[in-house]
Amino acid sequence: MIDQKMIDRINELARKSREGQLTDDEKKEQQELRQKYIEAYRESMKAQLNSIVLVDEHGNRTKLKPKKPNIPHS
């Protein structure tokens, strides 16, 4: 889970990066923090999508189903 402290650190590293002042260790840390942030965002989005319920005109409730991957025909 991403907390405010991690977001603040991501922003701090982004500012230093724009100024061209990141060390190699800070670049590595920045990439790791970005990856954690992206993973947390994706999990949050999945949870939101999994909670969606469609209601038709008759009041029937249906959970949103995952889209099937497109498989190219040979």
Protein backbone atom coordinates (compact mmCIF):
# COMPACT_ATOMS: atom_id res chain seq x y z
CA MET A 1 0.00 0.00 0.00
CA ILE A 2 1.20 3.47 -0.80
CA ASP A 3 1.14 6.03 1.99
CA GLN A 4 1.64 9.79 1.93
CA LYS A 5 5.27 9.44 2.99
CA MET A 6 6.02 7.37 -0.12
CA ILE A 7 4.18 9.81 -2.39
CA ASP A 8 6.13 12.69 -0.87
CA ARG A 9 9.39 10.82 -1.53
CA ILE A 10 8.34 10.12 -5.15
CA ASN A 11 7.66 13.83 -5.61
CA GLU A 12 10.94 14.80 -3.96
CA LEU A 13 12.89 12.49 -6.28
CA ALA A 14 10.96 13.83 -9.29
CA ARG A 15 11.98 17.40 -8.38
CA LYS A 16 15.61 16.37 -8.01
CA SER A 17 15.42 14.50 -11.31
CA ARG A 18 14.20 17.60 -13.14
CA GLU A 19 17.15 19.48 -11.70
CA GLY A 20 19.51 16.71 -12.84
CA GLN A 21 20.72 15.96 -9.31
CA LEU A 22 19.78 12.29 -8.81
CA THR A 23 22.44 9.81 -7.75
CA ASP A 24 22.41 6.27 -9.12
CA ASP A 25 20.96 5.00 -5.82
CA GLU A 26 18.20 7.62 -5.96
CA LYS A 27 17.38 6.66 -9.56
CA LYS A 28 17.00 3.05 -8.47
CA GLU A 29 14.84 4.09 -5.51
CA GLN A 30 12.71 6.25 -7.79
CA GLN A 31 12.05 3.34 -10.15
CA GLU A 32 11.16 1.03 -7.25
CA LEU A 33 8.78 3.57 -5.72
CA ARG A 34 7.14 4.23 -9.09
CA GLN A 35 6.64 0.50 -9.60
CA LYS A 36 5.04 0.13 -6.16
CA TYR A 37 2.79 3.11 -6.89
CA ILE A 38 1.67 1.64 -10.23
CA GLU A 39 0.97 -1.76 -8.64
CA ALA A 40 -1.09 -0.16 -5.86
CA TYR A 41 -3.02 1.93 -8.41
CA ARG A 42 -3.81 -1.16 -10.51
CA GLU A 43 -5.00 -3.09 -7.45
CA SER A 44 -7.22 -0.19 -6.44
CA MET A 45 -8.67 0.01 -9.96
CA LYS A 46 -9.34 -3.75 -10.02
CA ALA A 47 -11.14 -3.50 -6.68
CA GLN A 48 -13.32 -0.68 -8.00
CA LEU A 49 -14.16 -2.55 -11.18
CA ASN A 50 -14.95 -5.72 -9.24
CA SER A 51 -17.47 -3.81 -7.12
CA ILE A 52 -19.47 -2.52 -10.13
CA VAL A 53 -22.97 -3.91 -10.46
CA LEU A 54 -25.10 -3.34 -13.54
CA VAL A 55 -28.85 -2.91 -13.04
CA ASP A 56 -31.15 -3.49 -16.02
CA GLU A 57 -34.58 -1.95 -16.60
CA HIS A 58 -36.23 -4.77 -14.58
CA GLY A 59 -34.02 -4.19 -11.55
CA ASN A 60 -31.91 -7.30 -12.12
CA ARG A 61 -28.42 -6.87 -10.76
CA THR A 62 -25.42 -8.35 -12.59
CA LYS A 63 -21.77 -8.08 -11.63
CA LEU A 64 -19.46 -6.68 -14.26
CA LYS A 65 -17.63 -9.54 -15.97
CA PRO A 66 -13.99 -9.45 -17.06
CA LYS A 67 -13.42 -8.93 -20.76
CA LYS A 68 -12.16 -12.02 -22.54
CA PRO A 69 -8.83 -11.51 -24.31
CA ASN A 70 -8.91 -11.22 -28.08
CA ILE A 71 -7.39 -14.29 -29.63
CA PRO A 72 -6.39 -13.78 -33.26
CA HIS A 73 -7.78 -16.32 -35.69
CA SER A 74 -5.20 -18.26 -37.68
